[in-house]
N, C-alpha and C. Protein backbone atom coordinates (compact mmCIF):
# COMPACT_ATOMS: atom_id res chain seq x y z
N MET A 1 10.52 74.76 -71.19
CA MET A 1 9.15 74.94 -71.59
C MET A 1 8.65 73.64 -72.20
N LEU A 2 7.50 73.18 -71.76
CA LEU A 2 6.89 71.96 -72.28
C LEU A 2 5.83 72.29 -73.32
N ILE A 3 5.78 71.48 -74.33
CA ILE A 3 4.73 71.59 -75.33
C ILE A 3 3.83 70.38 -75.16
N GLU A 4 2.55 70.60 -75.13
CA GLU A 4 1.58 69.52 -74.90
C GLU A 4 1.35 68.72 -76.16
N ILE A 5 2.25 67.79 -76.45
CA ILE A 5 2.10 66.88 -77.58
C ILE A 5 1.77 65.50 -77.03
N THR A 6 0.61 65.00 -77.39
CA THR A 6 0.19 63.69 -76.92
C THR A 6 0.78 62.63 -77.84
N PRO A 7 1.54 61.70 -77.31
CA PRO A 7 2.11 60.64 -78.16
C PRO A 7 1.03 59.77 -78.78
N VAL A 8 1.18 59.47 -80.05
CA VAL A 8 0.31 58.53 -80.74
C VAL A 8 1.02 57.18 -80.65
N LEU A 9 0.47 56.31 -79.83
CA LEU A 9 1.14 55.04 -79.58
C LEU A 9 0.57 53.95 -80.47
N ASN A 10 1.42 53.44 -81.35
CA ASN A 10 1.04 52.35 -82.24
C ASN A 10 2.32 51.57 -82.51
N HIS A 11 2.35 50.32 -82.15
CA HIS A 11 3.58 49.53 -82.29
C HIS A 11 4.06 49.47 -83.74
N ALA A 12 3.18 49.68 -84.69
CA ALA A 12 3.58 49.62 -86.10
C ALA A 12 4.49 50.78 -86.50
N TYR A 13 4.40 51.91 -85.79
CA TYR A 13 5.20 53.08 -86.15
C TYR A 13 6.64 52.96 -85.65
N GLY A 14 6.86 52.26 -84.56
CA GLY A 14 8.21 52.11 -84.04
C GLY A 14 8.72 53.42 -83.43
N CYS A 15 9.99 53.40 -83.04
CA CYS A 15 10.55 54.54 -82.32
C CYS A 15 10.88 55.73 -83.23
N LEU A 16 11.04 55.50 -84.53
CA LEU A 16 11.33 56.60 -85.44
C LEU A 16 10.07 57.34 -85.85
N LEU A 17 9.03 56.62 -86.21
CA LEU A 17 7.83 57.26 -86.73
C LEU A 17 6.86 57.75 -85.66
N THR A 18 6.91 57.18 -84.46
CA THR A 18 5.98 57.60 -83.40
C THR A 18 6.07 59.10 -83.12
N PRO A 19 7.27 59.69 -82.92
CA PRO A 19 7.29 61.14 -82.68
C PRO A 19 6.84 61.95 -83.90
N ILE A 20 7.13 61.47 -85.10
CA ILE A 20 6.72 62.19 -86.32
C ILE A 20 5.20 62.18 -86.44
N VAL A 21 4.58 61.02 -86.23
CA VAL A 21 3.13 60.92 -86.29
C VAL A 21 2.50 61.75 -85.17
N SER A 22 3.10 61.74 -84.00
CA SER A 22 2.58 62.51 -82.87
C SER A 22 2.61 64.01 -83.17
N ILE A 23 3.69 64.48 -83.77
CA ILE A 23 3.79 65.91 -84.12
C ILE A 23 2.80 66.25 -85.22
N CYS A 24 2.64 65.38 -86.21
CA CYS A 24 1.64 65.62 -87.26
C CYS A 24 0.25 65.74 -86.65
N ASN A 25 -0.05 64.87 -85.70
CA ASN A 25 -1.34 64.92 -85.02
C ASN A 25 -1.50 66.24 -84.26
N TRP A 26 -0.44 66.68 -83.57
CA TRP A 26 -0.45 67.94 -82.83
C TRP A 26 -0.67 69.13 -83.76
N LEU A 27 -0.08 69.04 -84.97
CA LEU A 27 -0.24 70.11 -85.97
C LEU A 27 -1.57 69.99 -86.73
N LYS A 28 -2.34 68.94 -86.41
CA LYS A 28 -3.59 68.65 -87.11
C LYS A 28 -3.35 68.43 -88.61
N ARG A 29 -2.28 67.68 -88.90
CA ARG A 29 -1.92 67.33 -90.27
C ARG A 29 -2.04 65.82 -90.44
N ASP A 30 -2.46 65.40 -91.61
CA ASP A 30 -2.46 63.98 -91.91
C ASP A 30 -1.03 63.53 -92.17
N PHE A 31 -0.82 62.26 -92.17
CA PHE A 31 0.52 61.72 -92.40
C PHE A 31 0.49 60.44 -93.23
N GLN A 32 -0.69 59.88 -93.46
CA GLN A 32 -0.81 58.55 -94.03
C GLN A 32 -0.15 58.42 -95.41
N LEU A 33 -0.18 59.46 -96.22
CA LEU A 33 0.38 59.34 -97.57
C LEU A 33 1.90 59.26 -97.57
N MET A 34 2.55 59.49 -96.44
CA MET A 34 4.00 59.29 -96.41
C MET A 34 4.33 57.80 -96.59
N PHE A 35 3.35 56.95 -96.39
CA PHE A 35 3.54 55.51 -96.56
C PHE A 35 3.15 55.04 -97.96
N ALA A 36 2.84 55.95 -98.87
CA ALA A 36 2.30 55.58 -100.18
C ALA A 36 3.19 54.62 -100.95
N GLU A 37 4.49 54.76 -100.83
CA GLU A 37 5.39 53.88 -101.57
C GLU A 37 5.66 52.56 -100.85
N THR A 38 5.17 52.42 -99.65
CA THR A 38 5.42 51.19 -98.89
C THR A 38 4.27 50.21 -99.01
N TRP A 39 3.23 50.58 -99.69
CA TRP A 39 2.05 49.72 -99.78
C TRP A 39 2.19 48.64 -100.84
N ASN A 40 3.40 48.36 -101.23
CA ASN A 40 3.59 47.27 -102.18
C ASN A 40 4.74 46.40 -101.69
N PHE A 41 4.79 45.21 -102.20
CA PHE A 41 5.89 44.33 -101.88
C PHE A 41 6.18 43.48 -103.10
N ILE A 42 7.32 42.86 -103.07
CA ILE A 42 7.69 41.99 -104.18
C ILE A 42 7.84 40.56 -103.65
N PHE A 43 7.61 39.65 -104.52
CA PHE A 43 7.76 38.24 -104.19
C PHE A 43 8.74 37.65 -105.19
N ARG A 44 9.93 37.30 -104.70
CA ARG A 44 10.98 36.78 -105.58
C ARG A 44 10.70 35.33 -105.96
N GLN A 45 10.85 35.05 -107.24
CA GLN A 45 10.70 33.68 -107.71
C GLN A 45 11.83 32.82 -107.17
N ASN A 46 11.56 31.59 -106.94
CA ASN A 46 12.56 30.64 -106.46
C ASN A 46 13.20 29.97 -107.69
N THR A 47 14.10 30.68 -108.35
CA THR A 47 14.70 30.17 -109.58
C THR A 47 15.71 29.06 -109.32
N LEU A 48 16.24 28.98 -108.11
CA LEU A 48 17.24 27.95 -107.80
C LEU A 48 16.61 26.63 -107.35
N GLN A 49 15.29 26.64 -107.21
CA GLN A 49 14.55 25.45 -106.79
C GLN A 49 15.07 24.90 -105.46
N GLN A 50 15.49 25.79 -104.58
CA GLN A 50 15.93 25.38 -103.24
C GLN A 50 14.76 25.52 -102.28
N ALA A 51 14.92 24.93 -101.12
CA ALA A 51 13.88 25.02 -100.10
C ALA A 51 14.00 26.38 -99.40
N ILE A 52 13.31 27.36 -99.91
CA ILE A 52 13.31 28.71 -99.33
C ILE A 52 11.89 29.03 -98.89
N ARG A 53 11.74 29.43 -97.63
CA ARG A 53 10.40 29.73 -97.11
C ARG A 53 9.81 30.94 -97.84
N TYR A 54 8.49 30.98 -97.93
CA TYR A 54 7.80 32.08 -98.61
C TYR A 54 8.16 33.43 -98.00
N GLY A 55 8.18 33.50 -96.69
CA GLY A 55 8.49 34.77 -96.03
C GLY A 55 9.86 35.32 -96.38
N GLU A 56 10.80 34.44 -96.62
CA GLU A 56 12.15 34.88 -96.99
C GLU A 56 12.22 35.36 -98.44
N ARG A 57 11.22 35.03 -99.23
CA ARG A 57 11.19 35.46 -100.62
C ARG A 57 10.42 36.76 -100.81
N MET A 58 9.85 37.28 -99.74
CA MET A 58 9.09 38.53 -99.82
C MET A 58 9.97 39.70 -99.38
N ALA A 59 9.79 40.84 -100.02
CA ALA A 59 10.50 42.06 -99.65
C ALA A 59 9.54 43.23 -99.82
N TYR A 60 9.80 44.30 -99.11
CA TYR A 60 8.94 45.48 -99.24
C TYR A 60 9.79 46.69 -99.59
N ASN A 61 9.10 47.70 -100.04
CA ASN A 61 9.74 48.95 -100.46
C ASN A 61 9.53 49.98 -99.36
N GLU A 62 10.62 50.47 -98.75
CA GLU A 62 10.47 51.48 -97.71
C GLU A 62 10.04 52.82 -98.28
N GLY A 63 10.38 53.10 -99.52
CA GLY A 63 9.97 54.34 -100.16
C GLY A 63 10.68 55.55 -99.59
N ASP A 64 10.42 56.68 -100.18
CA ASP A 64 11.00 57.95 -99.74
C ASP A 64 9.96 58.69 -98.91
N TRP A 65 9.65 58.15 -97.73
CA TRP A 65 8.57 58.67 -96.92
C TRP A 65 8.83 60.09 -96.42
N VAL A 66 10.10 60.50 -96.29
CA VAL A 66 10.40 61.85 -95.84
C VAL A 66 9.92 62.87 -96.88
N SER A 67 10.23 62.62 -98.16
CA SER A 67 9.79 63.51 -99.23
C SER A 67 8.28 63.50 -99.39
N LEU A 68 7.67 62.32 -99.25
CA LEU A 68 6.22 62.22 -99.38
C LEU A 68 5.50 62.97 -98.26
N LEU A 69 6.05 62.93 -97.06
CA LEU A 69 5.45 63.65 -95.94
C LEU A 69 5.41 65.15 -96.23
N GLU A 70 6.48 65.66 -96.81
CA GLU A 70 6.52 67.09 -97.16
C GLU A 70 5.61 67.39 -98.34
N ARG A 71 5.69 66.55 -99.38
CA ARG A 71 4.92 66.81 -100.60
C ARG A 71 3.42 66.77 -100.36
N TYR A 72 2.94 65.76 -99.66
CA TYR A 72 1.50 65.58 -99.50
C TYR A 72 0.91 66.25 -98.26
N HIS A 73 1.72 66.46 -97.23
CA HIS A 73 1.17 66.97 -95.98
C HIS A 73 1.83 68.25 -95.49
N GLY A 74 2.85 68.73 -96.20
CA GLY A 74 3.49 69.99 -95.83
C GLY A 74 4.34 69.95 -94.58
N VAL A 75 4.79 68.76 -94.18
CA VAL A 75 5.62 68.62 -92.99
C VAL A 75 7.02 68.27 -93.46
N LYS A 76 7.96 69.17 -93.21
CA LYS A 76 9.34 68.97 -93.65
C LYS A 76 10.20 68.56 -92.46
N LEU A 77 11.02 67.54 -92.66
CA LEU A 77 11.93 67.07 -91.62
C LEU A 77 13.34 67.55 -91.94
N ASN A 78 14.04 68.01 -90.94
CA ASN A 78 15.44 68.40 -91.09
C ASN A 78 16.29 67.55 -90.17
N VAL A 79 17.44 67.13 -90.68
CA VAL A 79 18.38 66.36 -89.88
C VAL A 79 19.39 67.32 -89.27
N CYS A 80 19.54 67.25 -87.96
CA CYS A 80 20.50 68.12 -87.25
C CYS A 80 21.72 67.29 -86.88
N ARG A 81 22.87 67.72 -87.36
CA ARG A 81 24.10 67.01 -87.04
C ARG A 81 25.13 68.00 -86.50
N GLY A 82 25.97 67.50 -85.61
CA GLY A 82 27.08 68.31 -85.12
C GLY A 82 26.70 69.36 -84.10
N ILE A 83 25.52 69.23 -83.50
CA ILE A 83 25.15 70.17 -82.44
C ILE A 83 24.80 69.37 -81.19
N THR A 84 24.82 70.05 -80.06
CA THR A 84 24.59 69.35 -78.80
C THR A 84 23.11 69.01 -78.61
N GLU A 85 22.85 68.14 -77.67
CA GLU A 85 21.48 67.74 -77.36
C GLU A 85 20.64 68.94 -76.93
N ASN A 86 21.22 69.82 -76.11
CA ASN A 86 20.48 71.01 -75.67
C ASN A 86 20.16 71.94 -76.83
N GLU A 87 21.10 72.08 -77.76
CA GLU A 87 20.86 72.93 -78.93
C GLU A 87 19.75 72.35 -79.81
N VAL A 88 19.76 71.03 -79.96
CA VAL A 88 18.70 70.37 -80.73
C VAL A 88 17.36 70.60 -80.05
N HIS A 89 17.31 70.42 -78.74
CA HIS A 89 16.07 70.62 -77.99
C HIS A 89 15.53 72.02 -78.18
N GLU A 90 16.39 73.03 -78.04
CA GLU A 90 15.97 74.43 -78.20
C GLU A 90 15.49 74.70 -79.63
N GLN A 91 16.17 74.14 -80.62
CA GLN A 91 15.78 74.33 -82.01
C GLN A 91 14.42 73.71 -82.27
N ILE A 92 14.19 72.52 -81.74
CA ILE A 92 12.90 71.85 -81.93
C ILE A 92 11.77 72.68 -81.31
N ILE A 93 11.97 73.13 -80.08
CA ILE A 93 10.94 73.93 -79.40
C ILE A 93 10.65 75.20 -80.19
N THR A 94 11.69 75.88 -80.63
CA THR A 94 11.52 77.12 -81.38
C THR A 94 10.74 76.88 -82.67
N GLU A 95 11.14 75.85 -83.43
CA GLU A 95 10.48 75.60 -84.71
C GLU A 95 9.04 75.12 -84.52
N LEU A 96 8.79 74.29 -83.53
CA LEU A 96 7.41 73.85 -83.29
C LEU A 96 6.51 75.01 -82.90
N ASN A 97 7.03 75.92 -82.08
CA ASN A 97 6.24 77.09 -81.71
C ASN A 97 5.97 77.99 -82.91
N LEU A 98 6.96 78.17 -83.77
CA LEU A 98 6.76 78.97 -84.99
C LEU A 98 5.70 78.36 -85.89
N ILE A 99 5.80 77.06 -86.08
CA ILE A 99 4.84 76.36 -86.94
C ILE A 99 3.44 76.44 -86.37
N LYS A 100 3.31 76.20 -85.08
CA LYS A 100 2.00 76.19 -84.44
C LYS A 100 1.37 77.57 -84.50
N ASN A 101 2.16 78.63 -84.34
CA ASN A 101 1.65 80.00 -84.36
C ASN A 101 1.24 80.44 -85.75
N ARG A 102 1.82 79.83 -86.79
CA ARG A 102 1.44 80.15 -88.17
C ARG A 102 0.07 79.59 -88.52
N GLY A 103 -0.33 78.56 -87.78
CA GLY A 103 -1.65 77.96 -88.04
C GLY A 103 -1.52 76.90 -89.01
């Protein structure tokens, strides 16, 4: 059984977030606040006075986007381990249909 989920294609989401954003879109749920903790970065001081490029001194915070997605948008992610690909597929279809039917 196929579910009509239109992929949201944006190179910034990458292969992990593209299906999550696409499912949020299909559920008519926002997702942007899952990135709330990633909107900052740090810039490390060059205390050693070595020739270090600016880009190498910058870092970002990935944040706990899984928890934020659930907290702010009501979308909970579960990790499935130790089951076959077919079992995962069936579980995904079942859960998506349940969620969609709940409204």
